[in-house]
All heavy atoms as atom14 arrays in JSON, in Angstrom:
{
  "sequence": "ESAEKKSESAVETETAVLPDYSGDVEGETFTFDQLE",
  "atom14_mask": [
    [1, 1, 1, 1, 1, 1, 1, 1, 1, 0, 0, 0, 0, 0],
    [1, 1, 1, 1, 1, 1, 0, 0, 0, 0, 0, 0, 0, 0],
    [1, 1, 1, 1, 1, 0, 0, 0, 0, 0, 0, 0, 0, 0],
    [1, 1, 1, 1, 1, 1, 1, 1, 1, 0, 0, 0, 0, 0],
    [1, 1, 1, 1, 1, 1, 1, 1, 1, 0, 0, 0, 0, 0],
    [1, 1, 1, 1, 1, 1, 1, 1, 1, 0, 0, 0, 0, 0],
    [1, 1, 1, 1, 1, 1, 0, 0, 0, 0, 0, 0, 0, 0],
    [1, 1, 1, 1, 1, 1, 1, 1, 1, 0, 0, 0, 0, 0],
    [1, 1, 1, 1, 1, 1, 0, 0, 0, 0, 0, 0, 0, 0],
    [1, 1, 1, 1, 1, 0, 0, 0, 0, 0, 0, 0, 0, 0],
    [1, 1, 1, 1, 1, 1, 1, 0, 0, 0, 0, 0, 0, 0],
    [1, 1, 1, 1, 1, 1, 1, 1, 1, 0, 0, 0, 0, 0],
    [1, 1, 1, 1, 1, 1, 1, 0, 0, 0, 0, 0, 0, 0],
    [1, 1, 1, 1, 1, 1, 1, 1, 1, 0, 0, 0, 0, 0],
    [1, 1, 1, 1, 1, 1, 1, 0, 0, 0, 0, 0, 0, 0],
    [1, 1, 1, 1, 1, 0, 0, 0, 0, 0, 0, 0, 0, 0],
    [1, 1, 1, 1, 1, 1, 1, 0, 0, 0, 0, 0, 0, 0],
    [1, 1, 1, 1, 1, 1, 1, 1, 0, 0, 0, 0, 0, 0],
    [1, 1, 1, 1, 1, 1, 1, 0, 0, 0, 0, 0, 0, 0],
    [1, 1, 1, 1, 1, 1, 1, 1, 0, 0, 0, 0, 0, 0],
    [1, 1, 1, 1, 1, 1, 1, 1, 1, 1, 1, 1, 0, 0],
    [1, 1, 1, 1, 1, 1, 0, 0, 0, 0, 0, 0, 0, 0],
    [1, 1, 1, 1, 0, 0, 0, 0, 0, 0, 0, 0, 0, 0],
    [1, 1, 1, 1, 1, 1, 1, 1, 0, 0, 0, 0, 0, 0],
    [1, 1, 1, 1, 1, 1, 1, 0, 0, 0, 0, 0, 0, 0],
    [1, 1, 1, 1, 1, 1, 1, 1, 1, 0, 0, 0, 0, 0],
    [1, 1, 1, 1, 0, 0, 0, 0, 0, 0, 0, 0, 0, 0],
    [1, 1, 1, 1, 1, 1, 1, 1, 1, 0, 0, 0, 0, 0],
    [1, 1, 1, 1, 1, 1, 1, 0, 0, 0, 0, 0, 0, 0],
    [1, 1, 1, 1, 1, 1, 1, 1, 1, 1, 1, 0, 0, 0],
    [1, 1, 1, 1, 1, 1, 1, 0, 0, 0, 0, 0, 0, 0],
    [1, 1, 1, 1, 1, 1, 1, 1, 1, 1, 1, 0, 0, 0],
    [1, 1, 1, 1, 1, 1, 1, 1, 0, 0, 0, 0, 0, 0],
    [1, 1, 1, 1, 1, 1, 1, 1, 1, 0, 0, 0, 0, 0],
    [1, 1, 1, 1, 1, 1, 1, 1, 0, 0, 0, 0, 0, 0],
    [1, 1, 1, 1, 1, 1, 1, 1, 1, 0, 0, 0, 0, 0]
  ],
  "atom14_positions": [
    [[7.94, -14.41, 7.42], [6.78, -13.42, 7.48], [6.42, -12.95, 6.09], [5.24, -12.81, 5.77], [7.19, -12.24, 8.37], [7.4, -12.65, 9.87], [7.89, -11.45, 10.67], [8.16, -10.43, 10.04], [7.97, -11.61, 11.91], [0.0, 0.0, 0.0], [0.0, 0.0, 0.0], [0.0, 0.0, 0.0], [0.0, 0.0, 0.0], [0.0, 0.0, 0.0]],
    [[7.45, -12.69, 5.27], [7.17, -12.17, 3.9], [6.44, -13.23, 3.1], [5.53, -12.94, 2.33], [8.49, -11.86, 3.23], [8.28, -11.46, 1.91], [0.0, 0.0, 0.0], [0.0, 0.0, 0.0], [0.0, 0.0, 0.0], [0.0, 0.0, 0.0], [0.0, 0.0, 0.0], [0.0, 0.0, 0.0], [0.0, 0.0, 0.0], [0.0, 0.0, 0.0]],
    [[6.79, -14.51, 3.29], [6.07, -15.56, 2.57], [4.65, -15.69, 2.98], [3.72, -15.92, 2.17], [6.81, -16.92, 2.92], [0.0, 0.0, 0.0], [0.0, 0.0, 0.0], [0.0, 0.0, 0.0], [0.0, 0.0, 0.0], [0.0, 0.0, 0.0], [0.0, 0.0, 0.0], [0.0, 0.0, 0.0], [0.0, 0.0, 0.0], [0.0, 0.0, 0.0]],
    [[4.34, -15.44, 4.3], [2.9, -15.45, 4.78], [2.1, -14.4, 4.09], [0.92, -14.54, 3.68], [2.89, -15.39, 6.26], [3.42, -16.59, 6.98], [3.42, -16.44, 8.49], [2.92, -15.41, 8.9], [3.89, -17.39, 9.19], [0.0, 0.0, 0.0], [0.0, 0.0, 0.0], [0.0, 0.0, 0.0], [0.0, 0.0, 0.0], [0.0, 0.0, 0.0]],
    [[2.73, -13.1, 4.05], [1.93, -12.0, 3.46], [1.71, -12.21, 1.99], [0.61, -11.9, 1.5], [2.72, -10.72, 3.63], [2.77, -10.23, 5.12], [3.63, -8.99, 5.23], [3.68, -8.53, 6.67], [4.55, -7.27, 6.8], [0.0, 0.0, 0.0], [0.0, 0.0, 0.0], [0.0, 0.0, 0.0], [0.0, 0.0, 0.0], [0.0, 0.0, 0.0]],
    [[2.64, -12.79, 1.25], [2.44, -13.04, -0.17], [1.35, -14.03, -0.35], [0.56, -14.02, -1.31], [3.76, -13.58, -0.81], [4.78, -12.48, -0.99], [6.0, -13.03, -1.57], [7.1, -11.99, -1.73], [8.34, -12.43, -2.35], [0.0, 0.0, 0.0], [0.0, 0.0, 0.0], [0.0, 0.0, 0.0], [0.0, 0.0, 0.0], [0.0, 0.0, 0.0]],
    [[1.24, -15.03, 0.51], [0.22, -16.01, 0.46], [-1.17, -15.45, 0.63], [-2.11, -15.69, -0.08], [0.44, -17.11, 1.48], [-0.58, -18.12, 1.4], [0.0, 0.0, 0.0], [0.0, 0.0, 0.0], [0.0, 0.0, 0.0], [0.0, 0.0, 0.0], [0.0, 0.0, 0.0], [0.0, 0.0, 0.0], [0.0, 0.0, 0.0], [0.0, 0.0, 0.0]],
    [[-1.32, -14.5, 1.66], [-2.61, -13.87, 1.86], [-3.0, -12.97, 0.7], [-4.1, -12.91, 0.28], [-2.52, -12.97, 3.17], [-2.37, -13.89, 4.46], [-2.16, -13.01, 5.71], [-2.1, -11.79, 5.49], [-2.01, -13.63, 6.79], [0.0, 0.0, 0.0], [0.0, 0.0, 0.0], [0.0, 0.0, 0.0], [0.0, 0.0, 0.0], [0.0, 0.0, 0.0]],
    [[-1.99, -12.22, 0.15], [-2.24, -11.31, -0.96], [-2.73, -12.09, -2.18], [-3.57, -11.66, -2.97], [-1.01, -10.54, -1.33], [-1.19, -9.68, -2.43], [0.0, 0.0, 0.0], [0.0, 0.0, 0.0], [0.0, 0.0, 0.0], [0.0, 0.0, 0.0], [0.0, 0.0, 0.0], [0.0, 0.0, 0.0], [0.0, 0.0, 0.0], [0.0, 0.0, 0.0]],
    [[-2.21, -13.26, -2.36], [-2.59, -14.07, -3.51], [-4.02, -14.53, -3.45], [-4.77, -14.61, -4.4], [-1.67, -15.31, -3.66], [0.0, 0.0, 0.0], [0.0, 0.0, 0.0], [0.0, 0.0, 0.0], [0.0, 0.0, 0.0], [0.0, 0.0, 0.0], [0.0, 0.0, 0.0], [0.0, 0.0, 0.0], [0.0, 0.0, 0.0], [0.0, 0.0, 0.0]],
    [[-4.45, -14.78, -2.15], [-5.83, -15.23, -1.89], [-6.78, -14.09, -2.26], [-7.9, -14.26, -2.87], [-6.03, -15.77, -0.47], [-7.47, -16.03, -0.22], [-5.18, -16.98, -0.21], [0.0, 0.0, 0.0], [0.0, 0.0, 0.0], [0.0, 0.0, 0.0], [0.0, 0.0, 0.0], [0.0, 0.0, 0.0], [0.0, 0.0, 0.0], [0.0, 0.0, 0.0]],
    [[-6.47, -12.82, -1.82], [-7.33, -11.66, -2.06], [-7.39, -11.32, -3.46], [-8.45, -10.9, -4.0], [-6.74, -10.5, -1.26], [-6.92, -10.63, 0.26], [-6.3, -9.41, 0.99], [-5.72, -8.52, 0.27], [-6.28, -9.47, 2.24], [0.0, 0.0, 0.0], [0.0, 0.0, 0.0], [0.0, 0.0, 0.0], [0.0, 0.0, 0.0], [0.0, 0.0, 0.0]],
    [[-6.3, -11.55, -4.19], [-6.31, -11.33, -5.65], [-7.32, -12.11, -6.41], [-7.91, -11.71, -7.42], [-4.9, -11.53, -6.22], [-3.89, -10.73, -5.51], [-4.81, -11.19, -7.7], [0.0, 0.0, 0.0], [0.0, 0.0, 0.0], [0.0, 0.0, 0.0], [0.0, 0.0, 0.0], [0.0, 0.0, 0.0], [0.0, 0.0, 0.0], [0.0, 0.0, 0.0]],
    [[-7.47, -13.4, -5.86], [-8.43, -14.27, -6.56], [-9.85, -13.78, -6.36], [-10.74, -13.98, -7.23], [-8.3, -15.68, -6.0], [-6.97, -16.33, -6.38], [-6.86, -17.68, -5.72], [-7.81, -18.1, -5.04], [-5.84, -18.36, -5.98], [0.0, 0.0, 0.0], [0.0, 0.0, 0.0], [0.0, 0.0, 0.0], [0.0, 0.0, 0.0], [0.0, 0.0, 0.0]],
    [[-10.15, -13.0, -5.22], [-11.53, -12.56, -4.9], [-11.86, -11.11, -5.29], [-13.03, -10.72, -5.48], [-11.81, -12.72, -3.44], [-10.84, -11.97, -2.67], [-11.7, -14.2, -3.03], [0.0, 0.0, 0.0], [0.0, 0.0, 0.0], [0.0, 0.0, 0.0], [0.0, 0.0, 0.0], [0.0, 0.0, 0.0], [0.0, 0.0, 0.0], [0.0, 0.0, 0.0]],
    [[-10.79, -10.25, -5.41], [-10.99, -8.84, -5.73], [-9.97, -8.34, -6.66], [-8.87, -8.84, -6.72], [-10.98, -8.02, -4.41], [0.0, 0.0, 0.0], [0.0, 0.0, 0.0], [0.0, 0.0, 0.0], [0.0, 0.0, 0.0], [0.0, 0.0, 0.0], [0.0, 0.0, 0.0], [0.0, 0.0, 0.0], [0.0, 0.0, 0.0], [0.0, 0.0, 0.0]],
    [[-10.31, -7.24, -7.41], [-9.43, -6.65, -8.36], [-8.76, -5.47, -7.69], [-9.46, -4.63, -7.13], [-10.13, -6.26, -9.61], [-9.2, -5.58, -10.62], [-10.86, -7.42, -10.26], [0.0, 0.0, 0.0], [0.0, 0.0, 0.0], [0.0, 0.0, 0.0], [0.0, 0.0, 0.0], [0.0, 0.0, 0.0], [0.0, 0.0, 0.0], [0.0, 0.0, 0.0]],
    [[-7.36, -5.38, -7.72], [-6.64, -4.28, -7.11], [-6.81, -3.08, -7.94], [-6.68, -3.08, -9.17], [-5.16, -4.66, -6.95], [-4.86, -5.82, -6.03], [-3.37, -6.11, -6.06], [-5.25, -5.43, -4.62], [0.0, 0.0, 0.0], [0.0, 0.0, 0.0], [0.0, 0.0, 0.0], [0.0, 0.0, 0.0], [0.0, 0.0, 0.0], [0.0, 0.0, 0.0]],
    [[-7.05, -1.82, -7.28], [-7.15, -0.53, -8.05], [-5.83, -0.13, -8.57], [-4.78, -0.43, -8.02], [-7.71, 0.45, -7.0], [-7.2, -0.12, -5.71], [-7.23, -1.58, -5.8], [0.0, 0.0, 0.0], [0.0, 0.0, 0.0], [0.0, 0.0, 0.0], [0.0, 0.0, 0.0], [0.0, 0.0, 0.0], [0.0, 0.0, 0.0], [0.0, 0.0, 0.0]],
    [[-5.8, 0.66, -9.62], [-4.6, 1.16, -10.19], [-4.08, 2.24, -9.31], [-4.8, 3.09, -8.74], [-4.83, 1.68, -11.59], [-5.22, 0.57, -12.53], [-4.81, -0.6, -12.29], [-5.91, 0.84, -13.5], [0.0, 0.0, 0.0], [0.0, 0.0, 0.0], [0.0, 0.0, 0.0], [0.0, 0.0, 0.0], [0.0, 0.0, 0.0], [0.0, 0.0, 0.0]],
    [[-2.62, 2.35, -9.11], [-2.02, 3.38, -8.29], [-1.87, 4.6, -9.12], [-1.25, 4.6, -10.2], [-0.62, 2.86, -7.76], [0.14, 3.85, -6.93], [-0.37, 4.29, -5.74], [1.33, 4.42, -7.44], [0.32, 5.22, -4.95], [2.03, 5.32, -6.69], [1.5, 5.73, -5.46], [2.2, 6.67, -4.73], [0.0, 0.0, 0.0], [0.0, 0.0, 0.0]],
    [[-2.38, 5.74, -8.56], [-2.37, 7.06, -9.28], [-1.21, 7.93, -8.87], [-0.95, 8.9, -9.54], [-3.69, 7.8, -9.05], [-3.82, 8.1, -7.65], [0.0, 0.0, 0.0], [0.0, 0.0, 0.0], [0.0, 0.0, 0.0], [0.0, 0.0, 0.0], [0.0, 0.0, 0.0], [0.0, 0.0, 0.0], [0.0, 0.0, 0.0], [0.0, 0.0, 0.0]],
    [[-0.54, 7.65, -7.78], [0.58, 8.47, -7.34], [0.23, 9.49, -6.23], [1.04, 10.16, -5.65], [0.0, 0.0, 0.0], [0.0, 0.0, 0.0], [0.0, 0.0, 0.0], [0.0, 0.0, 0.0], [0.0, 0.0, 0.0], [0.0, 0.0, 0.0], [0.0, 0.0, 0.0], [0.0, 0.0, 0.0], [0.0, 0.0, 0.0], [0.0, 0.0, 0.0]],
    [[-1.06, 9.5, -5.89], [-1.5, 10.38, -4.82], [-1.28, 9.71, -3.48], [-1.51, 8.48, -3.33], [-3.01, 10.75, -4.98], [-3.27, 11.52, -6.34], [-2.3, 12.18, -6.75], [-4.34, 11.37, -6.83], [0.0, 0.0, 0.0], [0.0, 0.0, 0.0], [0.0, 0.0, 0.0], [0.0, 0.0, 0.0], [0.0, 0.0, 0.0], [0.0, 0.0, 0.0]],
    [[-0.89, 10.5, -2.42], [-0.67, 10.01, -1.1], [-1.81, 10.37, -0.28], [-2.28, 11.49, -0.16], [0.62, 10.58, -0.52], [0.85, 10.13, 0.89], [1.86, 10.3, -1.4], [0.0, 0.0, 0.0], [0.0, 0.0, 0.0], [0.0, 0.0, 0.0], [0.0, 0.0, 0.0], [0.0, 0.0, 0.0], [0.0, 0.0, 0.0], [0.0, 0.0, 0.0]],
    [[-2.38, 9.4, 0.46], [-3.49, 9.64, 1.33], [-2.98, 10.13, 2.7], [-1.93, 9.72, 3.15], [-4.3, 8.35, 1.5], [-4.93, 7.93, 0.24], [-5.76, 6.58, 0.43], [-5.71, 6.11, 1.61], [-6.29, 6.02, -0.54], [0.0, 0.0, 0.0], [0.0, 0.0, 0.0], [0.0, 0.0, 0.0], [0.0, 0.0, 0.0], [0.0, 0.0, 0.0]],
    [[-3.7, 10.92, 3.41], [-3.35, 11.44, 4.71], [-2.46, 12.65, 4.59], [-2.12, 13.18, 3.51], [0.0, 0.0, 0.0], [0.0, 0.0, 0.0], [0.0, 0.0, 0.0], [0.0, 0.0, 0.0], [0.0, 0.0, 0.0], [0.0, 0.0, 0.0], [0.0, 0.0, 0.0], [0.0, 0.0, 0.0], [0.0, 0.0, 0.0], [0.0, 0.0, 0.0]],
    [[-1.91, 13.11, 5.82], [-1.1, 14.27, 5.91], [0.31, 13.97, 5.58], [0.84, 12.94, 5.98], [-1.24, 14.81, 7.36], [-0.53, 16.19, 7.47], [-0.69, 16.79, 8.9], [-1.26, 16.11, 9.75], [-0.13, 17.82, 9.14], [0.0, 0.0, 0.0], [0.0, 0.0, 0.0], [0.0, 0.0, 0.0], [0.0, 0.0, 0.0], [0.0, 0.0, 0.0]],
    [[0.88, 14.86, 4.82], [2.32, 14.71, 4.47], [3.15, 15.83, 5.1], [2.58, 16.9, 5.36], [2.5, 14.74, 2.93], [1.98, 15.99, 2.41], [1.7, 13.59, 2.26], [0.0, 0.0, 0.0], [0.0, 0.0, 0.0], [0.0, 0.0, 0.0], [0.0, 0.0, 0.0], [0.0, 0.0, 0.0], [0.0, 0.0, 0.0], [0.0, 0.0, 0.0]],
    [[4.48, 15.49, 5.33], [5.38, 16.4, 5.97], [6.61, 16.57, 5.14], [7.12, 15.59, 4.54], [5.75, 15.94, 7.39], [4.61, 15.83, 8.34], [3.93, 14.59, 8.45], [4.19, 16.97, 9.03], [2.85, 14.52, 9.34], [3.09, 16.8, 9.92], [2.42, 15.58, 10.08], [0.0, 0.0, 0.0], [0.0, 0.0, 0.0], [0.0, 0.0, 0.0]],
    [[7.13, 17.82, 5.13], [8.37, 18.1, 4.51], [9.55, 17.92, 5.47], [9.29, 17.82, 6.69], [8.35, 19.53, 3.89], [8.33, 20.46, 5.0], [7.24, 19.76, 2.91], [0.0, 0.0, 0.0], [0.0, 0.0, 0.0], [0.0, 0.0, 0.0], [0.0, 0.0, 0.0], [0.0, 0.0, 0.0], [0.0, 0.0, 0.0], [0.0, 0.0, 0.0]],
    [[10.78, 17.95, 4.98], [11.94, 17.8, 5.86], [12.13, 19.0, 6.78], [12.45, 18.82, 7.93], [13.21, 17.63, 4.95], [14.46, 17.3, 5.74], [14.63, 16.06, 6.39], [15.41, 18.29, 5.96], [15.74, 15.8, 7.09], [16.54, 18.03, 6.72], [16.64, 16.72, 7.24], [0.0, 0.0, 0.0], [0.0, 0.0, 0.0], [0.0, 0.0, 0.0]],
    [[11.79, 20.14, 6.29], [11.87, 21.33, 7.14], [10.89, 21.29, 8.27], [11.18, 21.74, 9.36], [11.63, 22.6, 6.26], [12.76, 22.81, 5.25], [13.87, 22.3, 5.53], [12.47, 23.49, 4.27], [0.0, 0.0, 0.0], [0.0, 0.0, 0.0], [0.0, 0.0, 0.0], [0.0, 0.0, 0.0], [0.0, 0.0, 0.0], [0.0, 0.0, 0.0]],
    [[9.68, 20.78, 7.96], [8.69, 20.68, 9.02], [9.12, 19.69, 10.13], [8.86, 19.89, 11.28], [7.35, 20.23, 8.45], [6.67, 21.29, 7.56], [5.4, 20.74, 6.84], [5.31, 19.53, 6.65], [4.47, 21.65, 6.54], [0.0, 0.0, 0.0], [0.0, 0.0, 0.0], [0.0, 0.0, 0.0], [0.0, 0.0, 0.0], [0.0, 0.0, 0.0]],
    [[9.83, 18.67, 9.71], [10.27, 17.67, 10.72], [11.35, 18.26, 11.58], [11.49, 17.9, 12.81], [10.82, 16.4, 10.05], [9.75, 15.55, 9.3], [10.4, 14.41, 8.59], [8.73, 14.97, 10.28], [0.0, 0.0, 0.0], [0.0, 0.0, 0.0], [0.0, 0.0, 0.0], [0.0, 0.0, 0.0], [0.0, 0.0, 0.0], [0.0, 0.0, 0.0]],
    [[12.19, 19.16, 11.04], [13.24, 19.75, 11.84], [12.75, 20.94, 12.68], [13.43, 21.38, 13.62], [14.3, 20.3, 10.9], [15.15, 19.19, 10.32], [16.37, 19.73, 9.57], [16.3, 20.93, 9.17], [17.38, 19.03, 9.3], [0.0, 0.0, 0.0], [0.0, 0.0, 0.0], [0.0, 0.0, 0.0], [0.0, 0.0, 0.0], [0.0, 0.0, 0.0]]
  ]
}
């Protein structure tokens, strides 16, 4: 399965440029206290 995903990712890289990761998390985040 990992080999298949890498193959698809390689194809997309040829057609589009990946954005740089800024460290921000999208969506709602939870702390450990909230989970408990």
